[in-house]
Amino acid sequence: MVLPELPIGETVESGVYWLNDNFGFLMDIFSEFIDMLISGFKDILLFLPPVVFIFIVTVFVYLVSRRDLKLAAGAAIGFLLIENMDLWKLSMETIALVLSSGLVALLIGIPTGILAAKNETVFHVVKPALDFMQTMPSFVYLIPAVIFFGLGNVPGLVATIVFAMPPAIRLTNLGIRQVPVELSEVANAFGTTSLQKLFKVELPVALPTIMAGVNQCIMLSLSMVVIAAMIGARGLGYQVLVGIQRVNIGQGFEAGLAIVIIAILLDRLTQNMTPKK
């Protein structure tokens, strides 16, 4: 070997443990907040009986999808099938994890994308970080999450947030940058402030692109929530993991089918909520 081996792995490991030792109290506060968020969504989703919940969701899908009767009927049939397979509670836990991780990822990702579009320095700092986040294998995120937060839903959700955030940042940045220069010039000519131009001109024009980022963020959240079952995250992902461990084809297939139903519904909903260009 020409060059001596660089202690990259040992350095990263030491840095992770240093953060845990010196900022563990902040991790505990964040963990409590995330746990409350997950529990809140889960309690809301499990509050109503399945039949009532399915009826409300069907009506909601019908209205949001611009009265798409096929999509509404598909949502009703899909959730009835989930209830029939006795996977209702696990499915609601999975949806709660997806909603929690997606919400936090978007609350961080969209403002970061706006800032990156407005400031070239921030963009050049964020871009390589996003490249790193998107090319790093998803399983690697589980290791520091376990060190910081132990086992359970919280570390799974934290790993999911990090994994799902990049598309929201990238597409928000892209949408703001693609706003026609003429519109910005007209806004400036009318004497608008930076915030007025952002909320009344740039965000409305960039909304279709931003919503594409929202869609990708939610889809990645769902895929990572399943992987996070390896570190104790509950829901359908845990059911799939148990099916693999026991070589139970039927159990794994039913849980996988429920995940597919939820994924298709969330994908179609976010697509229909996107304004047409």
C-alpha atoms as a PDB file:
ATOM      1  CA  MET A   1       0.000   0.000   0.000  1.00  0.00           C
ATOM      2  CA  VAL A   2       1.457   3.358  -1.059  1.00  0.00           C
ATOM      3  CA  LEU A   3      -0.345   5.467   1.539  1.00  0.00           C
ATOM      4  CA  PRO A   4      -1.017   4.514   5.162  1.00  0.00           C
ATOM      5  CA  GLU A   5      -4.579   3.485   5.922  1.00  0.00           C
ATOM      6  CA  LEU A   6      -6.688   6.453   7.002  1.00  0.00           C
ATOM      7  CA  PRO A   7      -8.720   5.879  10.189  1.00  0.00           C
ATOM      8  CA  ILE A   8     -11.963   7.119   8.620  1.00  0.00           C
ATOM      9  CA  GLY A   9     -14.233   4.596  10.312  1.00  0.00           C
ATOM     10  CA  GLU A  10     -12.633   5.086  13.731  1.00  0.00           C
ATOM     11  CA  THR A  11     -12.870   8.874  13.390  1.00  0.00           C
ATOM     12  CA  VAL A  12     -16.560   8.782  12.504  1.00  0.00           C
ATOM     13  CA  GLU A  13     -17.235   6.346  15.339  1.00  0.00           C
ATOM     14  CA  SER A  14     -15.405   8.576  17.825  1.00  0.00           C
ATOM     15  CA  GLY A  15     -17.374  11.600  16.582  1.00  0.00           C
ATOM     16  CA  VAL A  16     -20.705   9.820  17.012  1.00  0.00           C
ATOM     17  CA  TYR A  17     -19.849   8.745  20.560  1.00  0.00           C
ATOM     18  CA  TRP A  18     -18.582  12.259  21.370  1.00  0.00           C
ATOM     19  CA  LEU A  19     -21.883  13.751  20.225  1.00  0.00           C
ATOM     20  CA  ASN A  20     -23.778  11.208  22.266  1.00  0.00           C
ATOM     21  CA  ASP A  21     -21.725  11.920  25.393  1.00  0.00           C
ATOM     22  CA  ASN A  22     -21.880  15.721  25.148  1.00  0.00           C
ATOM     23  CA  PHE A  23     -25.299  16.333  23.623  1.00  0.00           C
ATOM     24  CA  GLY A  24     -27.221  13.346  24.932  1.00  0.00           C
ATOM     25  CA  PHE A  25     -29.653  15.597  26.808  1.00  0.00           C
ATOM     26  CA  LEU A  26     -30.694  17.241  23.539  1.00  0.00           C
ATOM     27  CA  MET A  27     -31.190  13.799  22.024  1.00  0.00           C
ATOM     28  CA  ASP A  28     -33.453  12.906  24.955  1.00  0.00           C
ATOM     29  CA  ILE A  29     -35.568  16.043  24.443  1.00  0.00           C
ATOM     30  CA  PHE A  30     -35.861  15.369  20.726  1.00  0.00           C
ATOM     31  CA  SER A  31     -36.684  11.720  21.435  1.00  0.00           C
ATOM     32  CA  GLU A  32     -39.550  12.712  23.726  1.00  0.00           C
ATOM     33  CA  PHE A  33     -40.930  15.116  21.115  1.00  0.00           C
ATOM     34  CA  ILE A  34     -40.782  12.476  18.377  1.00  0.00           C
ATOM     35  CA  ASP A  35     -42.369   9.858  20.635  1.00  0.00           C
ATOM     36  CA  MET A  36     -45.233  12.262  21.443  1.00  0.00           C
ATOM     37  CA  LEU A  37     -45.712  12.988  17.742  1.00  0.00           C
ATOM     38  CA  ILE A  38     -45.901   9.314  16.821  1.00  0.00           C
ATOM     39  CA  SER A  39     -48.241   8.536  19.734  1.00  0.00           C
ATOM     40  CA  GLY A  40     -50.482  11.467  18.793  1.00  0.00           C
ATOM     41  CA  PHE A  41     -50.906  10.344  15.180  1.00  0.00           C
ATOM     42  CA  LYS A  42     -51.397   6.730  16.293  1.00  0.00           C
ATOM     43  CA  ASP A  43     -54.092   7.663  18.845  1.00  0.00           C
ATOM     44  CA  ILE A  44     -55.938   9.760  16.261  1.00  0.00           C
ATOM     45  CA  LEU A  45     -55.847   6.976  13.661  1.00  0.00           C
ATOM     46  CA  LEU A  46     -57.000   4.303  16.126  1.00  0.00           C
ATOM     47  CA  PHE A  47     -59.641   6.462  17.812  1.00  0.00           C
ATOM     48  CA  LEU A  48     -62.431   5.600  15.387  1.00  0.00           C
ATOM     49  CA  PRO A  49     -63.690   2.087  14.578  1.00  0.00           C
ATOM     50  CA  PRO A  50     -62.244   0.768  11.290  1.00  0.00           C
ATOM     51  CA  VAL A  51     -65.556   0.991   9.399  1.00  0.00           C
ATOM     52  CA  VAL A  52     -66.071   4.637  10.367  1.00  0.00           C
ATOM     53  CA  PHE A  53     -62.443   5.447   9.574  1.00  0.00           C
ATOM     54  CA  ILE A  54     -62.713   3.796   6.146  1.00  0.00           C
ATOM     55  CA  PHE A  55     -65.875   5.785   5.368  1.00  0.00           C
ATOM     56  CA  ILE A  56     -64.194   9.088   6.313  1.00  0.00           C
ATOM     57  CA  VAL A  57     -61.065   8.254   4.306  1.00  0.00           C
ATOM     58  CA  THR A  58     -63.147   7.264   1.277  1.00  0.00           C
ATOM     59  CA  VAL A  59     -65.045  10.571   1.337  1.00  0.00           C
ATOM     60  CA  PHE A  60     -61.798  12.492   1.849  1.00  0.00           C
ATOM     61  CA  VAL A  61     -60.101  10.724  -1.068  1.00  0.00           C
ATOM     62  CA  TYR A  62     -63.141  11.351  -3.275  1.00  0.00           C
ATOM     63  CA  LEU A  63     -63.078  15.089  -2.545  1.00  0.00           C
ATOM     64  CA  VAL A  64     -59.312  15.551  -2.729  1.00  0.00           C
ATOM     65  CA  SER A  65     -59.010  13.541  -5.939  1.00  0.00           C
ATOM     66  CA  ARG A  66     -61.456  15.877  -7.700  1.00  0.00           C
ATOM     67  CA  ARG A  67     -64.307  13.341  -7.397  1.00  0.00           C
ATOM     68  CA  ASP A  68     -62.359  10.356  -8.724  1.00  0.00           C
ATOM     69  CA  LEU A  69     -64.801   7.575  -7.895  1.00  0.00           C
ATOM     70  CA  LYS A  70     -62.376   4.803  -8.893  1.00  0.00           C
ATOM     71  CA  LEU A  71     -59.670   6.029  -6.509  1.00  0.00           C
ATOM     72  CA  ALA A  72     -62.151   6.445  -3.660  1.00  0.00           C
ATOM     73  CA  ALA A  73     -63.532   2.941  -4.249  1.00  0.00           C
ATOM     74  CA  GLY A  74     -59.996   1.567  -4.437  1.00  0.00           C
ATOM     75  CA  ALA A  75     -59.134   3.206  -1.100  1.00  0.00           C
ATOM     76  CA  ALA A  76     -62.236   1.689   0.520  1.00  0.00           C
ATOM     77  CA  ILE A  77     -61.557  -1.789  -0.865  1.00  0.00           C
ATOM     78  CA  GLY A  78     -57.884  -1.579   0.103  1.00  0.00           C
ATOM     79  CA  PHE A  79     -58.575  -0.626   3.716  1.00  0.00           C
ATOM     80  CA  LEU A  80     -61.339  -3.216   3.994  1.00  0.00           C
ATOM     81  CA  LEU A  81     -58.844  -5.823   2.815  1.00  0.00           C
ATOM     82  CA  ILE A  82     -56.346  -4.645   5.439  1.00  0.00           C
ATOM     83  CA  GLU A  83     -59.019  -4.999   8.126  1.00  0.00           C
ATOM     84  CA  ASN A  84     -59.955  -8.432   6.775  1.00  0.00           C
ATOM     85  CA  MET A  85     -56.307  -9.574   7.063  1.00  0.00           C
ATOM     86  CA  ASP A  86     -56.323  -8.459  10.730  1.00  0.00           C
ATOM     87  CA  LEU A  87     -53.557  -5.921  10.073  1.00  0.00           C
ATOM     88  CA  TRP A  88     -55.487  -2.798  11.003  1.00  0.00           C
ATOM     89  CA  LYS A  89     -53.539  -1.766  14.100  1.00  0.00           C
ATOM     90  CA  LEU A  90     -50.161  -2.472  12.492  1.00  0.00           C
ATOM     91  CA  SER A  91     -51.205  -0.497   9.410  1.00  0.00           C
ATOM     92  CA  MET A  92     -52.243   2.490  11.512  1.00  0.00           C
ATOM     93  CA  GLU A  93     -48.884   2.332  13.317  1.00  0.00           C
ATOM     94  CA  THR A  94     -47.125   2.367   9.943  1.00  0.00           C
ATOM     95  CA  ILE A  95     -49.193   5.321   8.709  1.00  0.00           C
ATOM     96  CA  ALA A  96     -48.460   7.157  11.981  1.00  0.00           C
ATOM     97  CA  LEU A  97     -44.718   6.613  11.460  1.00  0.00           C
ATOM     98  CA  VAL A  98     -44.916   7.768   7.832  1.00  0.00           C
ATOM     99  CA  LEU A  99     -46.928  10.887   8.700  1.00  0.00           C
ATOM    100  CA  SER A 100     -44.595  11.767  11.586  1.00  0.00           C
ATOM    101  CA  SER A 101     -41.373  11.286   9.633  1.00  0.00           C
ATOM    102  CA  GLY A 102     -42.770  12.944   6.517  1.00  0.00           C
ATOM    103  CA  LEU A 103     -43.997  15.961   8.500  1.00  0.00           C
ATOM    104  CA  VAL A 104     -40.641  16.523  10.234  1.00  0.00           C
ATOM    105  CA  ALA A 105     -38.694  15.910   7.009  1.00  0.00           C
ATOM    106  CA  LEU A 106     -40.822  18.477   5.141  1.00  0.00           C
ATOM    107  CA  LEU A 107     -40.649  21.032   7.971  1.00  0.00           C
ATOM    108  CA  ILE A 108     -36.854  20.861   7.691  1.00  0.00           C
ATOM    109  CA  GLY A 109     -36.523  20.163   3.975  1.00  0.00           C
ATOM    110  CA  ILE A 110     -38.752  22.831   2.395  1.00  0.00           C
ATOM    111  CA  PRO A 111     -37.264  25.819   4.293  1.00  0.00           C
ATOM    112  CA  THR A 112     -33.770  24.453   3.611  1.00  0.00           C
ATOM    113  CA  GLY A 113     -34.601  24.183  -0.099  1.00  0.00           C
ATOM    114  CA  ILE A 114     -35.888  27.759  -0.160  1.00  0.00           C
ATOM    115  CA  LEU A 115     -32.742  28.981   1.609  1.00  0.00           C
ATOM    116  CA  ALA A 116     -30.538  27.050  -0.833  1.00  0.00           C
ATOM    117  CA  ALA A 117     -32.347  28.652  -3.771  1.00  0.00           C
ATOM    118  CA  LYS A 118     -31.871  32.126  -2.314  1.00  0.00           C
ATOM    119  CA  ASN A 119     -28.257  31.783  -1.158  1.00  0.00           C
ATOM    120  CA  GLU A 120     -25.520  30.289  -3.325  1.00  0.00           C
ATOM    121  CA  THR A 121     -23.246  29.650  -0.342  1.00  0.00           C
ATOM    122  CA  VAL A 122     -25.938  27.577   1.360  1.00  0.00           C
ATOM    123  CA  PHE A 123     -26.590  25.758  -1.926  1.00  0.00           C
ATOM    124  CA  HIS A 124     -22.928  24.781  -2.341  1.00  0.00           C
ATOM    125  CA  VAL A 125     -22.838  23.515   1.249  1.00  0.00           C
ATOM    126  CA  VAL A 126     -26.125  21.624   1.027  1.00  0.00           C
ATOM    127  CA  LYS A 127     -25.549  20.008  -2.382  1.00  0.00           C
ATOM    128  CA  PRO A 128     -22.658  17.671  -1.413  1.00  0.00           C
ATOM    129  CA  ALA A 129     -24.474  16.851   1.843  1.00  0.00           C
ATOM    130  CA  LEU A 130     -27.533  15.778  -0.177  1.00  0.00           C
ATOM    131  CA  ASP A 131     -25.357  13.715  -2.520  1.00  0.00           C
ATOM    132  CA  PHE A 132     -23.907  11.960   0.514  1.00  0.00           C
ATOM    133  CA  MET A 133     -27.332  11.371   2.088  1.00  0.00           C
ATOM    134  CA  GLN A 134     -28.834   9.951  -1.102  1.00  0.00           C
ATOM    135  CA  THR A 135     -25.949   7.632  -2.017  1.00  0.00           C
ATOM    136  CA  MET A 136     -25.270   6.248   1.456  1.00  0.00           C
ATOM    137  CA  PRO A 137     -26.949   2.817   1.832  1.00  0.00           C
ATOM    138  CA  SER A 138     -30.126   3.165   3.868  1.00  0.00           C
ATOM    139  CA  PHE A 139     -29.077   0.492   6.382  1.00  0.00           C
ATOM    140  CA  VAL A 140     -26.109   2.620   7.466  1.00  0.00           C
ATOM    141  CA  TYR A 141     -28.460   5.253   8.918  1.00  0.00           C
ATOM    142  CA  LEU A 142     -29.672   2.702  11.435  1.00  0.00           C
ATOM    143  CA  ILE A 143     -26.317   2.483  13.247  1.00  0.00           C
ATOM    144  CA  PRO A 144     -25.991   6.071  14.606  1.00  0.00           C
ATOM    145  CA  ALA A 145     -29.761   6.167  15.197  1.00  0.00           C
ATOM    146  CA  VAL A 146     -29.440   3.195  17.567  1.00  0.00           C
ATOM    147  CA  ILE A 147     -26.444   4.772  19.350  1.00  0.00           C
ATOM    148  CA  PHE A 148     -28.256   8.084  19.889  1.00  0.00           C
ATOM    149  CA  PHE A 149     -31.791   6.837  20.591  1.00  0.00           C
ATOM    150  CA  GLY A 150     -31.630   3.134  21.431  1.00  0.00           C
ATOM    151  CA  LEU A 151     -34.192   0.743  19.963  1.00  0.00           C
ATOM    152  CA  GLY A 152     -37.820   1.402  19.074  1.00  0.00           C
ATOM    153  CA  ASN A 153     -39.916   3.775  16.993  1.00  0.00           C
ATOM    154  CA  VAL A 154     -37.859   6.910  17.672  1.00  0.00           C
ATOM    155  CA  PRO A 155     -34.533   5.785  16.129  1.00  0.00           C
ATOM    156  CA  GLY A 156     -36.444   4.277  13.211  1.00  0.00           C
ATOM    157  CA  LEU A 157     -38.213   7.571  12.612  1.00  0.00           C
ATOM    158  CA  VAL A 158     -34.991   9.598  12.904  1.00  0.00           C
ATOM    159  CA  ALA A 159     -33.282   7.379  10.315  1.00  0.00           C
ATOM    160  CA  THR A 160     -36.369   7.738   8.107  1.00  0.00           C
ATOM    161  CA  ILE A 161     -36.294  11.547   8.358  1.00  0.00           C
ATOM    162  CA  VAL A 162     -32.655  11.709   7.249  1.00  0.00           C
ATOM    163  CA  PHE A 163     -33.302   9.258   4.410  1.00  0.00           C
ATOM    164  CA  ALA A 164     -36.478  10.947   3.126  1.00  0.00           C
ATOM    165  CA  MET A 165     -35.424  14.599   3.387  1.00  0.00           C
ATOM    166  CA  PRO A 166     -33.167  15.085   0.288  1.00  0.00           C
ATOM    167  CA  PRO A 167     -35.923  15.041  -2.402  1.00  0.00           C
ATOM    168  CA  ALA A 168     -37.874  17.742  -0.550  1.00  0.00           C
ATOM    169  CA  ILE A 169     -34.772  19.960  -0.391  1.00  0.00           C
ATOM    170  CA  ARG A 170     -33.708  19.341  -3.993  1.00  0.00           C
ATOM    171  CA  LEU A 171     -37.103  19.847  -5.608  1.00  0.00           C
ATOM    172  CA  THR A 172     -37.965  22.898  -3.499  1.00  0.00           C
ATOM    173  CA  ASN A 173     -34.647  24.446  -4.531  1.00  0.00           C
ATOM    174  CA  LEU A 174     -35.297  23.514  -8.171  1.00  0.00           C
ATOM    175  CA  GLY A 175     -38.846  24.882  -8.144  1.00  0.00           C
ATOM    176  CA  ILE A 176     -37.794  28.269  -6.730  1.00  0.00           C
ATOM    177  CA  ARG A 177     -34.920  28.550  -9.198  1.00  0.00           C
ATOM    178  CA  GLN A 178     -37.226  27.778 -12.144  1.00  0.00           C
ATOM    179  CA  VAL A 179     -39.537  30.715 -11.434  1.00  0.00           C
ATOM    180  CA  PRO A 180     -39.409  32.904 -14.577  1.00  0.00           C
ATOM    181  CA  VAL A 181     -37.195  35.953 -14.203  1.00  0.00           C
ATOM    182  CA  GLU A 182     -39.953  38.116 -15.696  1.00  0.00           C
ATOM    183  CA  LEU A 183     -42.279  37.339 -12.787  1.00  0.00           C
ATOM    184  CA  SER A 184     -39.606  38.304 -10.263  1.00  0.00           C
ATOM    185  CA  GLU A 185     -38.962  41.544 -12.126  1.00  0.00           C
ATOM    186  CA  VAL A 186     -42.669  42.391 -12.164  1.00  0.00           C
ATOM    187  CA  ALA A 187     -42.885  41.683  -8.421  1.00  0.00           C
ATOM    188  CA  ASN A 188     -39.874  43.911  -7.790  1.00  0.00           C
ATOM    189  CA  ALA A 189     -41.401  46.652  -9.943  1.00  0.00           C
ATOM    190  CA  PHE A 190     -44.495  46.664  -7.726  1.00  0.00           C
ATOM    191  CA  GLY A 191     -42.279  47.141  -4.676  1.00  0.00           C
ATOM    192  CA  THR A 192     -42.903  43.781  -3.001  1.00  0.00           C
ATOM    193  CA  THR A 193     -40.725  42.704  -0.120  1.00  0.00           C
ATOM    194  CA  SER A 194     -38.701  39.481  -0.251  1.00  0.00           C
ATOM    195  CA  LEU A 195     -41.283  37.638   1.848  1.00  0.00           C
ATOM    196  CA  GLN A 196     -44.191  38.945  -0.217  1.00  0.00           C
ATOM    197  CA  LYS A 197     -42.479  37.858  -3.429  1.00  0.00           C
ATOM    198  CA  LEU A 198     -41.726  34.436  -1.938  1.00  0.00           C
ATOM    199  CA  PHE A 199     -45.258  33.685  -0.707  1.00  0.00           C
ATOM    200  CA  LYS A 200     -47.270  35.403  -3.457  1.00  0.00           C
ATOM    201  CA  VAL A 201     -45.140  34.734  -6.543  1.00  0.00           C
ATOM    202  CA  GLU A 202     -42.366  32.178  -6.165  1.00  0.00           C
ATOM    203  CA  LEU A 203     -44.021  29.496  -3.999  1.00  0.00           C
ATOM    204  CA  PRO A 204     -47.300  29.407  -5.991  1.00  0.00           C
ATOM    205  CA  VAL A 205     -45.357  29.055  -9.260  1.00  0.00           C
ATOM    206  CA  ALA A 206     -42.986  26.455  -7.790  1.00  0.00           C
ATOM    207  CA  LEU A 207     -45.760  24.499  -6.025  1.00  0.00           C
ATOM    208  CA  PRO A 208     -46.054  21.655  -8.606  1.00  0.00           C
ATOM    209  CA  THR A 209     -42.327  20.951  -8.329  1.00  0.00           C
ATOM    210  CA  ILE A 210     -42.406  21.241  -4.526  1.00  0.00           C
ATOM    211  CA  MET A 211     -45.339  18.817  -4.366  1.00  0.00           C
ATOM    212  CA  ALA A 212     -43.321  16.326  -6.423  1.00  0.00           C
ATOM    213  CA  GLY A 213     -40.740  16.550  -3.651  1.00  0.00           C
ATOM    214  CA  VAL A 214     -43.466  16.003  -1.055  1.00  0.00           C
ATOM    215  CA  ASN A 215     -44.597  12.900  -2.929  1.00  0.00           C
ATOM    216  CA  GLN A 216     -41.074  11.480  -3.065  1.00  0.00           C
ATOM    217  CA  CYS A 217     -40.491  12.309   0.590  1.00  0.00           C
ATOM    218  CA  ILE A 218     -43.596  10.380   1.658  1.00  0.00           C
ATOM    219  CA  MET A 219     -42.747   7.387  -0.552  1.00  0.00           C
ATOM    220  CA  LEU A 220     -39.200   7.212   0.809  1.00  0.00           C
ATOM    221  CA  SER A 221     -40.552   7.534   4.343  1.00  0.00           C
ATOM    222  CA  LEU A 222     -42.745   4.502   3.789  1.00  0.00           C
ATOM    223  CA  SER A 223     -39.913   2.435   2.325  1.00  0.00           C
ATOM    224  CA  MET A 224     -37.528   3.353   5.161  1.00  0.00           C
ATOM    225  CA  VAL A 225     -40.114   2.712   7.869  1.00  0.00           C
ATOM    226  CA  VAL A 226     -40.112  -0.919   6.750  1.00  0.00           C
ATOM    227  CA  ILE A 227     -36.307  -1.131   6.946  1.00  0.00           C
ATOM    228  CA  ALA A 228     -36.384   0.587  10.356  1.00  0.00           C
ATOM    229  CA  ALA A 229     -38.192  -2.468  11.735  1.00  0.00           C
ATOM    230  CA  MET A 230     -34.697  -3.937  12.079  1.00  0.00           C
ATOM    231  CA  ILE A 231     -34.043  -1.554  14.999  1.00  0.00           C
ATOM    232  CA  GLY A 232     -37.389  -1.958  16.702  1.00  0.00           C
ATOM    233  CA  ALA A 233     -39.789   0.260  14.733  1.00  0.00           C
ATOM    234  CA  ARG A 234     -43.252  -1.254  14.887  1.00  0.00           C
ATOM    235  CA  GLY A 235     -45.940  -1.558  12.270  1.00  0.00           C
ATOM    236  CA  LEU A 236     -46.126  -3.582   9.097  1.00  0.00           C
ATOM    237  CA  GLY A 237     -42.348  -3.541   8.641  1.00  0.00           C
ATOM    238  CA  TYR A 238     -41.972  -5.517  11.853  1.00  0.00           C
ATOM    239  CA  GLN A 239     -44.533  -8.010  10.557  1.00  0.00           C
ATOM    240  CA  VAL A 240     -42.495  -8.452   7.360  1.00  0.00           C
ATOM    241  CA  LEU A 241     -39.325  -8.912   9.417  1.00  0.00           C
ATOM    242  CA  VAL A 242     -40.967 -11.602  11.565  1.00  0.00           C
ATOM    243  CA  GLY A 243     -42.184 -13.321   8.404  1.00  0.00           C
ATOM    244  CA  ILE A 244     -38.613 -13.397   7.078  1.00  0.00           C
ATOM    245  CA  GLN A 245     -37.188 -14.719  10.343  1.00  0.00           C
ATOM    246  CA  ARG A 246     -39.784 -17.501  10.511  1.00  0.00           C
ATOM    247  CA  VAL A 247     -39.797 -18.129   6.743  1.00  0.00           C
ATOM    248  CA  ASN A 248     -43.554 -17.527   6.889  1.00  0.00           C
ATOM    249  CA  ILE A 249     -44.468 -16.699   3.298  1.00  0.00           C
ATOM    250  CA  GLY A 250     -48.134 -15.943   4.011  1.00  0.00           C
ATOM    251  CA  GLN A 251     -47.439 -13.568   6.895  1.00  0.00           C
ATOM    252  CA  GLY A 252     -44.795 -11.670   4.925  1.00  0.00           C
ATOM    253  CA  PHE A 253     -46.977 -11.458   1.813  1.00  0.00           C
ATOM    254  CA  GLU A 254     -50.026 -10.117   3.681  1.00  0.00           C
ATOM    255  CA  ALA A 255     -47.949  -7.439   5.428  1.00  0.00           C
ATOM    256  CA  GLY A 256     -46.281  -6.552   2.123  1.00  0.00           C
ATOM    257  CA  LEU A 257     -49.674  -6.285   0.414  1.00  0.00           C
ATOM    258  CA  ALA A 258     -50.894  -3.896   3.131  1.00  0.00           C
ATOM    259  CA  ILE A 259     -47.777  -1.764   2.598  1.00  0.00           C
ATOM    260  CA  VAL A 260     -48.452  -1.677  -1.159  1.00  0.00           C
ATOM    261  CA  ILE A 261     -52.069  -0.554  -0.563  1.00  0.00           C
ATOM    262  CA  ILE A 262     -50.936   2.280   1.727  1.00  0.00           C
ATOM    263  CA  ALA A 263     -48.157   3.306  -0.674  1.00  0.00           C
ATOM    264  CA  ILE A 264     -50.479   3.476  -3.697  1.00  0.00           C
ATOM    265  CA  LEU A 265     -53.063   5.494  -1.765  1.00  0.00           C
ATOM    266  CA  LEU A 266     -50.519   8.008  -0.442  1.00  0.00           C
ATOM    267  CA  ASP A 267     -48.933   8.324  -3.885  1.00  0.00           C
ATOM    268  CA  ARG A 268     -52.255   8.966  -5.652  1.00  0.00           C
ATOM    269  CA  LEU A 269     -53.376  11.405  -2.967  1.00  0.00           C
ATOM    270  CA  THR A 270     -50.244  13.555  -3.177  1.00  0.00           C
ATOM    271  CA  GLN A 271     -50.398  13.473  -6.970  1.00  0.00           C
ATOM    272  CA  ASN A 272     -54.007  14.688  -6.947  1.00  0.00           C
ATOM    273  CA  MET A 273     -53.163  17.425  -4.433  1.00  0.00           C
ATOM    274  CA  THR A 274     -50.556  18.780  -6.845  1.00  0.00           C
ATOM    275  CA  PRO A 275     -51.883  21.768  -8.858  1.00  0.00           C
ATOM    276  CA  LYS A 276     -51.766  21.267 -12.596  1.00  0.00           C
ATOM    277  CA  LYS A 277     -49.295  23.415 -14.524  1.00  0.00           C
END
